[in-house]
PDB file of N, CA and C in Angstrom:
ATOM      1  N   MET A   1      18.954  29.825   1.005  1.00  0.00           N
ATOM      2  CA  MET A   1      17.811  29.247   1.686  1.00  0.00           C
ATOM      3  C   MET A   1      17.010  28.425   0.691  1.00  0.00           C
ATOM      4  N   PRO A   2      17.379  27.167   0.467  1.00  0.00           N
ATOM      5  CA  PRO A   2      16.577  26.325  -0.415  1.00  0.00           C
ATOM      6  C   PRO A   2      15.288  25.856   0.275  1.00  0.00           C
ATOM      7  N   PHE A   3      14.190  26.022  -0.441  1.00  0.00           N
ATOM      8  CA  PHE A   3      12.891  25.503  -0.007  1.00  0.00           C
ATOM      9  C   PHE A   3      12.496  24.420  -1.002  1.00  0.00           C
ATOM     10  N   LEU A   4      12.300  23.197  -0.536  1.00  0.00           N
ATOM     11  CA  LEU A   4      11.944  22.083  -1.408  1.00  0.00           C
ATOM     12  C   LEU A   4      10.653  21.443  -0.920  1.00  0.00           C
ATOM     13  N   THR A   5       9.690  21.327  -1.826  1.00  0.00           N
ATOM     14  CA  THR A   5       8.456  20.599  -1.531  1.00  0.00           C
ATOM     15  C   THR A   5       8.319  19.475  -2.541  1.00  0.00           C
ATOM     16  N   VAL A   6       8.076  18.277  -2.050  1.00  0.00           N
ATOM     17  CA  VAL A   6       7.856  17.119  -2.900  1.00  0.00           C
ATOM     18  C   VAL A   6       6.421  16.654  -2.688  1.00  0.00           C
ATOM     19  N   TYR A   7       5.654  16.644  -3.773  1.00  0.00           N
ATOM     20  CA  TYR A   7       4.289  16.121  -3.750  1.00  0.00           C
ATOM     21  C   TYR A   7       4.318  14.772  -4.455  1.00  0.00           C
ATOM     22  N   THR A   8       3.634  13.792  -3.907  1.00  0.00           N
ATOM     23  CA  THR A   8       3.625  12.470  -4.531  1.00  0.00           C
ATOM     24  C   THR A   8       2.324  11.727  -4.247  1.00  0.00           C
ATOM     25  N   ASN A   9       1.965  10.861  -5.176  1.00  0.00           N
ATOM     26  CA  ASN A   9       0.833   9.969  -4.944  1.00  0.00           C
ATOM     27  C   ASN A   9       1.316   8.566  -4.578  1.00  0.00           C
ATOM     28  N   ALA A  10       2.624   8.404  -4.474  1.00  0.00           N
ATOM     29  CA  ALA A  10       3.198   7.117  -4.050  1.00  0.00           C
ATOM     30  C   ALA A  10       3.201   7.085  -2.520  1.00  0.00           C
ATOM     31  N   GLU A  11       2.851   5.939  -1.973  1.00  0.00           N
ATOM     32  CA  GLU A  11       2.843   5.828  -0.516  1.00  0.00           C
ATOM     33  C   GLU A  11       4.249   6.034   0.029  1.00  0.00           C
ATOM     34  N   ILE A  12       4.326   6.819   1.078  1.00  0.00           N
ATOM     35  CA  ILE A  12       5.606   7.156   1.688  1.00  0.00           C
ATOM     36  C   ILE A  12       5.810   6.279   2.916  1.00  0.00           C
ATOM     37  N   LYS A  13       6.892   5.508   2.924  1.00  0.00           N
ATOM     38  CA  LYS A  13       7.163   4.624   4.056  1.00  0.00           C
ATOM     39  C   LYS A  13       7.495   5.418   5.314  1.00  0.00           C
ATOM     40  N   ASP A  14       8.347   6.422   5.171  1.00  0.00           N
ATOM     41  CA  ASP A  14       8.767   7.238   6.311  1.00  0.00           C
ATOM     42  C   ASP A  14       9.004   8.665   5.817  1.00  0.00           C
ATOM     43  N   GLY A  15       7.976   9.488   5.911  1.00  0.00           N
ATOM     44  CA  GLY A  15       8.035  10.852   5.403  1.00  0.00           C
ATOM     45  C   GLY A  15       9.099  11.700   6.071  1.00  0.00           C
ATOM     46  N   LYS A  16       9.297  11.502   7.371  1.00  0.00           N
ATOM     47  CA  LYS A  16      10.321  12.276   8.082  1.00  0.00           C
ATOM     48  C   LYS A  16      11.709  11.940   7.558  1.00  0.00           C
ATOM     49  N   LYS A  17      11.949  10.666   7.357  1.00  0.00           N
ATOM     50  CA  LYS A  17      13.257  10.231   6.849  1.00  0.00           C
ATOM     51  C   LYS A  17      13.475  10.728   5.422  1.00  0.00           C
ATOM     52  N   LEU A  18      12.425  10.682   4.604  1.00  0.00           N
ATOM     53  CA  LEU A  18      12.541  11.167   3.236  1.00  0.00           C
ATOM     54  C   LEU A  18      12.828  12.666   3.224  1.00  0.00           C
ATOM     55  N   ALA A  19      12.169  13.423   4.087  1.00  0.00           N
ATOM     56  CA  ALA A  19      12.427  14.870   4.180  1.00  0.00           C
ATOM     57  C   ALA A  19      13.886  15.122   4.556  1.00  0.00           C
ATOM     58  N   GLU A  20      14.419  14.322   5.456  1.00  0.00           N
ATOM     59  CA  GLU A  20      15.820  14.471   5.846  1.00  0.00           C
ATOM     60  C   GLU A  20      16.760  14.117   4.690  1.00  0.00           C
ATOM     61  N   LYS A  21      16.418  13.077   3.932  1.00  0.00           N
ATOM     62  CA  LYS A  21      17.260  12.675   2.800  1.00  0.00           C
ATOM     63  C   LYS A  21      17.274  13.726   1.703  1.00  0.00           C
ATOM     64  N   VAL A  22      16.090  14.274   1.355  1.00  0.00           N
ATOM     65  CA  VAL A  22      16.075  15.295   0.308  1.00  0.00           C
ATOM     66  C   VAL A  22      16.729  16.583   0.797  1.00  0.00           C
ATOM     67  N   SER A  23      16.652  16.854   2.099  1.00  0.00           N
ATOM     68  CA  SER A  23      17.347  18.021   2.668  1.00  0.00           C
ATOM     69  C   SER A  23      18.854  17.874   2.503  1.00  0.00           C
ATOM     70  N   ALA A  24      19.374  16.727   2.876  1.00  0.00           N
ATOM     71  CA  ALA A  24      20.813  16.484   2.787  1.00  0.00           C
ATOM     72  C   ALA A  24      21.292  16.539   1.345  1.00  0.00           C
ATOM     73  N   LEU A  25      20.545  15.932   0.442  1.00  0.00           N
ATOM     74  CA  LEU A  25      20.914  15.944  -0.963  1.00  0.00           C
ATOM     75  C   LEU A  25      20.920  17.375  -1.494  1.00  0.00           C
ATOM     76  N   THR A  26      19.885  18.139  -1.185  1.00  0.00           N
ATOM     77  CA  THR A  26      19.773  19.520  -1.651  1.00  0.00           C
ATOM     78  C   THR A  26      20.938  20.357  -1.141  1.00  0.00           C
ATOM     79  N   ALA A  27      21.229  20.247   0.141  1.00  0.00           N
ATOM     80  CA  ALA A  27      22.342  21.001   0.727  1.00  0.00           C
ATOM     81  C   ALA A  27      23.658  20.622   0.067  1.00  0.00           C
ATOM     82  N   ASP A  28      23.878  19.330  -0.114  1.00  0.00           N
ATOM     83  CA  ASP A  28      25.125  18.848  -0.682  1.00  0.00           C
ATOM     84  C   ASP A  28      25.319  19.332  -2.118  1.00  0.00           C
ATOM     85  N   VAL A  29      24.311  19.127  -2.952  1.00  0.00           N
ATOM     86  CA  VAL A  29      24.443  19.479  -4.366  1.00  0.00           C
ATOM     87  C   VAL A  29      24.535  20.992  -4.565  1.00  0.00           C
ATOM     88  N   LEU A  30      23.775  21.747  -3.783  1.00  0.00           N
ATOM     89  CA  LEU A  30      23.798  23.209  -3.927  1.00  0.00           C
ATOM     90  C   LEU A  30      24.953  23.864  -3.183  1.00  0.00           C
ATOM     91  N   GLY A  31      25.618  23.105  -2.322  1.00  0.00           N
ATOM     92  CA  GLY A  31      26.699  23.673  -1.535  1.00  0.00           C
ATOM     93  C   GLY A  31      26.209  24.675  -0.503  1.00  0.00           C
ATOM     94  N   LYS A  32      25.020  24.422   0.031  1.00  0.00           N
ATOM     95  CA  LYS A  32      24.413  25.306   1.039  1.00  0.00           C
ATOM     96  C   LYS A  32      24.450  24.618   2.400  1.00  0.00           C
ATOM     97  N   PRO A  33      24.489  25.389   3.474  1.00  0.00           N
ATOM     98  CA  PRO A  33      24.409  24.776   4.806  1.00  0.00           C
ATOM     99  C   PRO A  33      23.050  24.085   4.982  1.00  0.00           C
ATOM    100  N   ILE A  34      23.077  22.880   5.515  1.00  0.00           N
ATOM    101  CA  ILE A  34      21.820  22.155   5.704  1.00  0.00           C
ATOM    102  C   ILE A  34      20.896  22.905   6.668  1.00  0.00           C
ATOM    103  N   SER A  35      21.470  23.734   7.526  1.00  0.00           N
ATOM    104  CA  SER A  35      20.644  24.514   8.468  1.00  0.00           C
ATOM    105  C   SER A  35      19.741  25.504   7.746  1.00  0.00           C
ATOM    106  N   TYR A  36      20.009  25.801   6.479  1.00  0.00           N
ATOM    107  CA  TYR A  36      19.170  26.719   5.700  1.00  0.00           C
ATOM    108  C   TYR A  36      18.107  26.003   4.872  1.00  0.00           C
ATOM    109  N   VAL A  37      18.189  24.687   4.765  1.00  0.00           N
ATOM    110  CA  VAL A  37      17.280  23.934   3.902  1.00  0.00           C
ATOM    111  C   VAL A  37      15.961  23.658   4.611  1.00  0.00           C
ATOM    112  N   VAL A  38      14.863  23.907   3.899  1.00  0.00           N
ATOM    113  CA  VAL A  38      13.528  23.549   4.376  1.00  0.00           C
ATOM    114  C   VAL A  38      12.959  22.545   3.382  1.00  0.00           C
ATOM    115  N   ALA A  39      12.559  21.373   3.870  1.00  0.00           N
ATOM    116  CA  ALA A  39      11.996  20.340   2.997  1.00  0.00           C
ATOM    117  C   ALA A  39      10.627  19.914   3.524  1.00  0.00           C
ATOM    118  N   ASN A  40       9.712  19.739   2.596  1.00  0.00           N
ATOM    119  CA  ASN A  40       8.354  19.321   2.930  1.00  0.00           C
ATOM    120  C   ASN A  40       7.976  18.199   1.968  1.00  0.00           C
ATOM    121  N   VAL A  41       7.504  17.087   2.500  1.00  0.00           N
ATOM    122  CA  VAL A  41       7.074  15.958   1.683  1.00  0.00           C
ATOM    123  C   VAL A  41       5.579  15.768   1.912  1.00  0.00           C
ATOM    124  N   VAL A  42       4.827  15.815   0.814  1.00  0.00           N
ATOM    125  CA  VAL A  42       3.366  15.777   0.905  1.00  0.00           C
ATOM    126  C   VAL A  42       2.824  14.592   0.111  1.00  0.00           C
ATOM    127  N   TYR A  43       2.073  13.737   0.792  1.00  0.00           N
ATOM    128  CA  TYR A  43       1.404  12.612   0.127  1.00  0.00           C
ATOM    129  C   TYR A  43       0.019  13.065  -0.304  1.00  0.00           C
ATOM    130  N   ASN A  44      -0.279  12.904  -1.595  1.00  0.00           N
ATOM    131  CA  ASN A  44      -1.595  13.256  -2.125  1.00  0.00           C
ATOM    132  C   ASN A  44      -2.040  12.158  -3.089  1.00  0.00           C
ATOM    133  N   PRO A  45      -2.920  11.262  -2.652  1.00  0.00           N
ATOM    134  CA  PRO A  45      -3.343  10.155  -3.508  1.00  0.00           C
ATOM    135  C   PRO A  45      -4.190  10.605  -4.693  1.00  0.00           C
ATOM    136  N   ASN A  46      -4.585  11.861  -4.729  1.00  0.00           N
ATOM    137  CA  ASN A  46      -5.428  12.368  -5.816  1.00  0.00           C
ATOM    138  C   ASN A  46      -4.631  12.871  -7.021  1.00  0.00           C
ATOM    139  N   MET A  47      -3.333  12.795  -6.973  1.00  0.00           N
ATOM    140  CA  MET A  47      -2.513  13.245  -8.098  1.00  0.00           C
ATOM    141  C   MET A  47      -2.586  12.253  -9.252  1.00  0.00           C
ATOM    142  N   ALA A  48      -2.522  12.772 -10.477  1.00  0.00           N
ATOM    143  CA  ALA A  48      -2.515  11.931 -11.673  1.00  0.00           C
ATOM    144  C   ALA A  48      -1.259  12.244 -12.482  1.00  0.00           C
ATOM    145  N   PHE A  49      -0.604  11.210 -12.947  1.00  0.00           N
ATOM    146  CA  PHE A  49       0.562  11.360 -13.807  1.00  0.00           C
ATOM    147  C   PHE A  49       0.268  10.648 -15.111  1.00  0.00           C
ATOM    148  N   GLY A  50       0.504  11.312 -16.219  1.00  0.00           N
ATOM    149  CA  GLY A  50       0.177  10.725 -17.520  1.00  0.00           C
ATOM    150  C   GLY A  50      -1.306  10.463 -17.658  1.00  0.00           C
ATOM    151  N   GLY A  51      -2.113  11.257 -16.973  1.00  0.00           N
ATOM    152  CA  GLY A  51      -3.563  11.152 -17.093  1.00  0.00           C
ATOM    153  C   GLY A  51      -4.222  10.129 -16.191  1.00  0.00           C
ATOM    154  N   SER A  52      -3.456   9.489 -15.314  1.00  0.00           N
ATOM    155  CA  SER A  52      -4.036   8.460 -14.459  1.00  0.00           C
ATOM    156  C   SER A  52      -3.456   8.510 -13.048  1.00  0.00           C
ATOM    157  N   HIS A  53      -4.338   8.406 -12.063  1.00  0.00           N
ATOM    158  CA  HIS A  53      -3.859   8.355 -10.677  1.00  0.00           C
ATOM    159  C   HIS A  53      -3.192   7.013 -10.366  1.00  0.00           C
ATOM    160  N   ALA A  54      -3.376   6.018 -11.237  1.00  0.00           N
ATOM    161  CA  ALA A  54      -2.732   4.722 -11.043  1.00  0.00           C
ATOM    162  C   ALA A  54      -1.222   4.800 -11.299  1.00  0.00           C
ATOM    163  N   ASN A  55      -0.797   5.797 -12.063  1.00  0.00           N
ATOM    164  CA  ASN A  55       0.628   5.995 -12.318  1.00  0.00           C
ATOM    165  C   ASN A  55       1.252   6.706 -11.127  1.00  0.00           C
ATOM    166  N   LYS A  56       2.251   6.101 -10.547  1.00  0.00           N
ATOM    167  CA  LYS A  56       2.926   6.713  -9.401  1.00  0.00           C
ATOM    168  C   LYS A  56       3.952   7.724  -9.893  1.00  0.00           C
ATOM    169  N   GLY A  57       4.025   8.863  -9.197  1.00  0.00           N
ATOM    170  CA  GLY A  57       4.975   9.891  -9.595  1.00  0.00           C
ATOM    171  C   GLY A  57       5.197  10.908  -8.498  1.00  0.00           C
ATOM    172  N   ALA A  58       5.958  11.938  -8.833  1.00  0.00           N
ATOM    173  CA  ALA A  58       6.262  12.999  -7.877  1.00  0.00           C
ATOM    174  C   ALA A  58       6.467  14.313  -8.611  1.00  0.00           C
ATOM    175  N   LEU A  59       6.110  15.377  -7.948  1.00  0.00           N
ATOM    176  CA  LEU A  59       6.367  16.731  -8.410  1.00  0.00           C
ATOM    177  C   LEU A  59       7.177  17.418  -7.320  1.00  0.00           C
ATOM    178  N   ALA A  60       8.375  17.867  -7.669  1.00  0.00           N
ATOM    179  CA  ALA A  60       9.231  18.568  -6.712  1.00  0.00           C
ATOM    180  C   ALA A  60       9.345  20.022  -7.144  1.00  0.00           C
ATOM    181  N   GLU A  61       9.203  20.930  -6.179  1.00  0.00           N
ATOM    182  CA  GLU A  61       9.354  22.354  -6.437  1.00  0.00           C
ATOM    183  C   GLU A  61      10.467  22.878  -5.535  1.00  0.00           C
ATOM    184  N   LEU A  62      11.495  23.437  -6.154  1.00  0.00           N
ATOM    185  CA  LEU A  62      12.634  23.946  -5.408  1.00  0.00           C
ATOM    186  C   LEU A  62      12.807  25.432  -5.684  1.00  0.00           C
ATOM    187  N   LEU A  63      12.854  26.211  -4.623  1.00  0.00           N
ATOM    188  CA  LEU A  63      13.182  27.625  -4.702  1.00  0.00           C
ATOM    189  C   LEU A  63      14.476  27.811  -3.940  1.00  0.00           C
ATOM    190  N   SER A  64      15.447  28.478  -4.568  1.00  0.00           N
ATOM    191  CA  SER A  64      16.738  28.665  -3.925  1.00  0.00           C
ATOM    192  C   SER A  64      17.409  29.915  -4.453  1.00  0.00           C
ATOM    193  N   ILE A  65      18.243  30.508  -3.629  1.00  0.00           N
ATOM    194  CA  ILE A  65      19.133  31.575  -4.086  1.00  0.00           C
ATOM    195  C   ILE A  65      20.316  30.866  -4.730  1.00  0.00           C
ATOM    196  N   GLY A  66      20.317  30.802  -6.036  1.00  0.00           N
ATOM    197  CA  GLY A  66      21.350  30.071  -6.758  1.00  0.00           C
ATOM    198  C   GLY A  66      21.020  28.596  -6.852  1.00  0.00           C
ATOM    199  N   LEU A  67      21.227  28.042  -8.043  1.00  0.00           N
ATOM    200  CA  LEU A  67      20.891  26.636  -8.265  1.00  0.00           C
ATOM    201  C   LEU A  67      22.097  25.801  -8.684  1.00  0.00           C
ATOM    202  N   GLY A  68      23.238  26.424  -8.879  1.00  0.00           N
ATOM    203  CA  GLY A  68      24.425  25.661  -9.252  1.00  0.00           C
ATOM    204  C   GLY A  68      24.217  24.891 -10.540  1.00  0.00           C
ATOM    205  N   ASN A  69      24.766  23.684 -10.610  1.00  0.00           N
ATOM    206  CA  ASN A  69      24.619  22.835 -11.785  1.00  0.00           C
ATOM    207  C   ASN A  69      23.260  22.149 -11.722  1.00  0.00           C
ATOM    208  N   LYS A  70      22.301  22.680 -12.462  1.00  0.00           N
ATOM    209  CA  LYS A  70      20.926  22.176 -12.417  1.00  0.00           C
ATOM    210  C   LYS A  70      20.809  20.729 -12.874  1.00  0.00           C
ATOM    211  N   ASP A  71      21.631  20.339 -13.868  1.00  0.00           N
ATOM    212  CA  ASP A  71      21.547  18.966 -14.375  1.00  0.00           C
ATOM    213  C   ASP A  71      21.934  17.949 -13.299  1.00  0.00           C
ATOM    214  N   ILE A  72      22.977  18.258 -12.531  1.00  0.00           N
ATOM    215  CA  ILE A  72      23.390  17.356 -11.451  1.00  0.00           C
ATOM    216  C   ILE A  72      22.302  17.292 -10.387  1.00  0.00           C
ATOM    217  N   LEU A  73      21.738  18.427 -10.039  1.00  0.00           N
ATOM    218  CA  LEU A  73      20.673  18.477  -9.037  1.00  0.00           C
ATOM    219  C   LEU A  73      19.455  17.670  -9.478  1.00  0.00           C
ATOM    220  N   VAL A  74      19.015  17.886 -10.712  1.00  0.00           N
ATOM    221  CA  VAL A  74      17.835  17.181 -11.232  1.00  0.00           C
ATOM    222  C   VAL A  74      18.071  15.677 -11.273  1.00  0.00           C
ATOM    223  N   GLU A  75      19.237  15.252 -11.743  1.00  0.00           N
ATOM    224  CA  GLU A  75      19.532  13.822 -11.811  1.00  0.00           C
ATOM    225  C   GLU A  75      19.559  13.189 -10.415  1.00  0.00           C
ATOM    226  N   ALA A  76      20.222  13.849  -9.478  1.00  0.00           N
ATOM    227  CA  ALA A  76      20.326  13.305  -8.120  1.00  0.00           C
ATOM    228  C   ALA A  76      18.960  13.230  -7.437  1.00  0.00           C
ATOM    229  N   LEU A  77      18.173  14.284  -7.570  1.00  0.00           N
ATOM    230  CA  LEU A  77      16.847  14.289  -6.944  1.00  0.00           C
ATOM    231  C   LEU A  77      15.923  13.265  -7.591  1.00  0.00           C
ATOM    232  N   THR A  78      15.985  13.157  -8.904  1.00  0.00           N
ATOM    233  CA  THR A  78      15.174  12.148  -9.612  1.00  0.00           C
ATOM    234  C   THR A  78      15.539  10.745  -9.141  1.00  0.00           C
ATOM    235  N   ASN A  79      16.822  10.445  -9.075  1.00  0.00           N
ATOM    236  CA  ASN A  79      17.267   9.114  -8.643  1.00  0.00           C
ATOM    237  C   ASN A  79      16.819   8.810  -7.221  1.00  0.00           C
ATOM    238  N   LEU A  80      16.923   9.797  -6.329  1.00  0.00           N
ATOM    239  CA  LEU A  80      16.517   9.582  -4.943  1.00  0.00           C
ATOM    240  C   LEU A  80      15.017   9.327  -4.847  1.00  0.00           C
ATOM    241  N   LEU A  81      14.212  10.141  -5.532  1.00  0.00           N
ATOM    242  CA  LEU A  81      12.754   9.966  -5.474  1.00  0.00           C
ATOM    243  C   LEU A  81      12.317   8.654  -6.111  1.00  0.00           C
ATOM    244  N   GLU A  82      12.968   8.282  -7.199  1.00  0.00           N
ATOM    245  CA  GLU A  82      12.660   7.009  -7.856  1.00  0.00           C
ATOM    246  C   GLU A  82      12.882   5.850  -6.888  1.00  0.00           C
ATOM    247  N   ALA A  83      14.026   5.858  -6.217  1.00  0.00           N
ATOM    248  CA  ALA A  83      14.369   4.769  -5.305  1.00  0.00           C
ATOM    249  C   ALA A  83      13.512   4.774  -4.049  1.00  0.00           C
ATOM    250  N   GLU A  84      13.341   5.930  -3.443  1.00  0.00           N
ATOM    251  CA  GLU A  84      12.627   6.024  -2.162  1.00  0.00           C
ATOM    252  C   GLU A  84      11.116   5.813  -2.296  1.00  0.00           C
ATOM    253  N   LEU A  85      10.554   6.226  -3.430  1.00  0.00           N
ATOM    254  CA  LEU A  85       9.105   6.146  -3.601  1.00  0.00           C
ATOM    255  C   LEU A  85       8.671   4.989  -4.493  1.00  0.00           C
ATOM    256  N   GLY A  86       9.621   4.254  -5.048  1.00  0.00           N
ATOM    257  CA  GLY A  86       9.278   3.116  -5.900  1.00  0.00           C
ATOM    258  C   GLY A  86       8.572   3.534  -7.181  1.00  0.00           C
ATOM    259  N   ILE A  87       8.999   4.651  -7.762  1.00  0.00           N
ATOM    260  CA  ILE A  87       8.390   5.136  -9.003  1.00  0.00           C
ATOM    261  C   ILE A  87       9.062   4.425 -10.167  1.00  0.00           C
ATOM    262  N   ASP A  88       8.250   3.727 -10.989  1.00  0.00           N
ATOM    263  CA  ASP A  88       8.781   2.916 -12.078  1.00  0.00           C
ATOM    264  C   ASP A  88       9.214   3.734 -13.292  1.00  0.00           C
ATOM    265  N   ASP A  89       8.529   4.819 -13.574  1.00  0.00           N
ATOM    266  CA  ASP A  89       8.785   5.611 -14.773  1.00  0.00           C
ATOM    267  C   ASP A  89       9.268   7.000 -14.372  1.00  0.00           C
ATOM    268  N   THR A  90      10.541   7.298 -14.615  1.00  0.00           N
ATOM    269  CA  THR A  90      11.072   8.599 -14.200  1.00  0.00           C
ATOM    270  C   THR A  90      10.457   9.757 -14.988  1.00  0.00           C
ATOM    271  N   ASN A  91       9.746   9.468 -16.075  1.00  0.00           N
ATOM    272  CA  ASN A  91       8.996  10.520 -16.761  1.00  0.00           C
ATOM    273  C   ASN A  91       7.877  11.060 -15.870  1.00  0.00           C
ATOM    274  N   ASN A  92       7.552  10.323 -14.823  1.00  0.00           N
ATOM    275  CA  ASN A  92       6.528  10.759 -13.874  1.00  0.00           C
ATOM    276  C   ASN A  92       7.128  11.500 -12.684  1.00  0.00           C
ATOM    277  N   ILE A  93       8.382  11.889 -12.787  1.00  0.00           N
ATOM    278  CA  ILE A  93       9.017  12.723 -11.771  1.00  0.00           C
ATOM    279  C   ILE A  93       9.336  14.059 -12.430  1.00  0.00           C
ATOM    280  N   SER A  94       8.613  15.078 -12.023  1.00  0.00           N
ATOM    281  CA  SER A  94       8.795  16.416 -12.580  1.00  0.00           C
ATOM    282  C   SER A  94       9.380  17.326 -11.513  1.00  0.00           C
ATOM    283  N   ILE A  95      10.276  18.213 -11.933  1.00  0.00           N
ATOM    284  CA  ILE A  95      10.948  19.104 -10.995  1.00  0.00           C
ATOM    285  C   ILE A  95      10.887  20.522 -11.529  1.00  0.00           C
ATOM    286  N   SER A  96      10.406  21.423 -10.692  1.00  0.00           N
ATOM    287  CA  SER A  96      10.357  22.845 -11.022  1.00  0.00           C
ATOM    288  C   SER A  96      11.450  23.551 -10.225  1.00  0.00           C
ATOM    289  N   LEU A  97      12.347  24.238 -10.950  1.00  0.00           N
ATOM    290  CA  LEU A  97      13.453  24.937 -10.314  1.00  0.00           C
ATOM    291  C   LEU A  97      13.221  26.440 -10.414  1.00  0.00           C
ATOM    292  N   ASN A  98      13.348  27.125  -9.282  1.00  0.00           N
ATOM    293  CA  ASN A  98      13.147  28.561  -9.244  1.00  0.00           C
ATOM    294  C   ASN A  98      14.338  29.216  -8.562  1.00  0.00           C
ATOM    295  N   ASN A  99      15.087  30.000  -9.327  1.00  0.00           N
ATOM    296  CA  ASN A  99      16.239  30.718  -8.808  1.00  0.00           C
ATOM    297  C   ASN A  99      15.754  32.085  -8.338  1.00  0.00           C
ATOM    298  N   ALA A 100      15.751  32.299  -7.043  1.00  0.00           N
ATOM    299  CA  ALA A 100      15.213  33.533  -6.472  1.00  0.00           C
ATOM    300  C   ALA A 100      16.331  34.511  -6.140  1.00  0.00           C
ATOM    301  N   PRO A 101      16.091  35.803  -6.374  1.00  0.00           N
ATOM    302  CA  PRO A 101      17.073  36.793  -5.920  1.00  0.00           C
ATOM    303  C   PRO A 101      17.080  36.858  -4.392  1.00  0.00           C
ATOM    304  N   ALA A 102      18.243  37.117  -3.823  1.00  0.00           N
ATOM    305  CA  ALA A 102      18.379  37.153  -2.361  1.00  0.00           C
ATOM    306  C   ALA A 102      17.409  38.138  -1.716  1.00  0.00           C
ATOM    307  N   SER A 103      17.070  39.193  -2.433  1.00  0.00           N
ATOM    308  CA  SER A 103      16.157  40.201  -1.881  1.00  0.00           C
ATOM    309  C   SER A 103      14.721  39.699  -1.770  1.00  0.00           C
ATOM    310  N   GLN A 104      14.434  38.539  -2.367  1.00  0.00           N
ATOM    311  CA  GLN A 104      13.076  37.990  -2.339  1.00  0.00           C
ATOM    312  C   GLN A 104      12.939  36.755  -1.434  1.00  0.00           C
ATOM    313  N   VAL A 105      13.987  36.457  -0.683  1.00  0.00           N
ATOM    314  CA  VAL A 105      13.970  35.295   0.204  1.00  0.00           C
ATOM    315  C   VAL A 105      14.328  35.765   1.613  1.00  0.00           C
ATOM    316  N   ALA A 106      13.558  35.301   2.603  1.00  0.00           N
ATOM    317  CA  ALA A 106      13.790  35.740   3.972  1.00  0.00           C
ATOM    318  C   ALA A 106      13.762  34.577   4.947  1.00  0.00           C
ATOM    319  N   SER A 107      14.452  34.767   6.053  1.00  0.00           N
ATOM    320  CA  SER A 107      14.453  33.826   7.161  1.00  0.00           C
ATOM    321  C   SER A 107      14.842  34.595   8.405  1.00  0.00           C
ATOM    322  N   GLY A 108      14.243  34.242   9.528  1.00  0.00           N
ATOM    323  CA  GLY A 108      14.583  34.900  10.775  1.00  0.00           C
ATOM    324  C   GLY A 108      14.222  36.372  10.803  1.00  0.00           C
ATOM    325  N   GLY A 109      13.246  36.743   9.999  1.00  0.00           N
ATOM    326  CA  GLY A 109      12.779  38.137  10.011  1.00  0.00           C
ATOM    327  C   GLY A 109      13.545  39.089   9.131  1.00  0.00           C
ATOM    328  N   ARG A 110      14.419  38.544   8.258  1.00  0.00           N
ATOM    329  CA  ARG A 110      15.162  39.438   7.361  1.00  0.00           C
ATOM    330  C   ARG A 110      15.412  38.751   6.028  1.00  0.00           C
ATOM    331  N   THR A 111      15.551  39.565   5.000  1.00  0.00           N
ATOM    332  CA  THR A 111      15.865  39.010   3.680  1.00  0.00           C
ATOM    333  C   THR A 111      17.359  38.714   3.603  1.00  0.00           C
ATOM    334  N   PHE A 112      17.733  37.961   2.588  1.00  0.00           N
ATOM    335  CA  PHE A 112      19.139  37.609   2.401  1.00  0.00           C
ATOM    336  C   PHE A 112      19.888  38.640   1.540  1.00  0.00           C
ATOM    337  N   GLY A 113      19.179  39.639   1.074  1.00  0.00           N
ATOM    338  CA  GLY A 113      19.874  40.634   0.245  1.00  0.00           C
ATOM    339  C   GLY A 113      19.113  41.910   0.084  1.00  0.00           C
TER     340      GLY A 113
END
C-alpha cells in the first residue's frame, strides 16, 4: 500500500492528471498493484526552496511496504516532477522514503500483516 504525497509551490496545470501519473509510476517501479496506490498532490505557494519561495520545487513523501530499488524510484519520480511541474533545479526536489512494516499499514479495516 504505497501512500505518496507531493507538496509543491509550482503551479499545477492538472492536479488530477499529475496524481494519476505519479500513481502509475509508483505502482510500476515498486511492482505494486495500482489499486493499492494512494497519491495526493498539494499546491502550497508558501513553500520555500533554498531559502526563497521564488525557487520552484517539490517535496515528495512516500510510505510503502517495501521500496524495492530506491535509486530507480527516486530518479523516476524526480524526472517526472521536474517535467510536469517545470522545476529548473532538481536540487529543489526532495523525496522522503519510508519503508513501513506490513503490521503498521492498513486498508479496508485491516492491516497488511
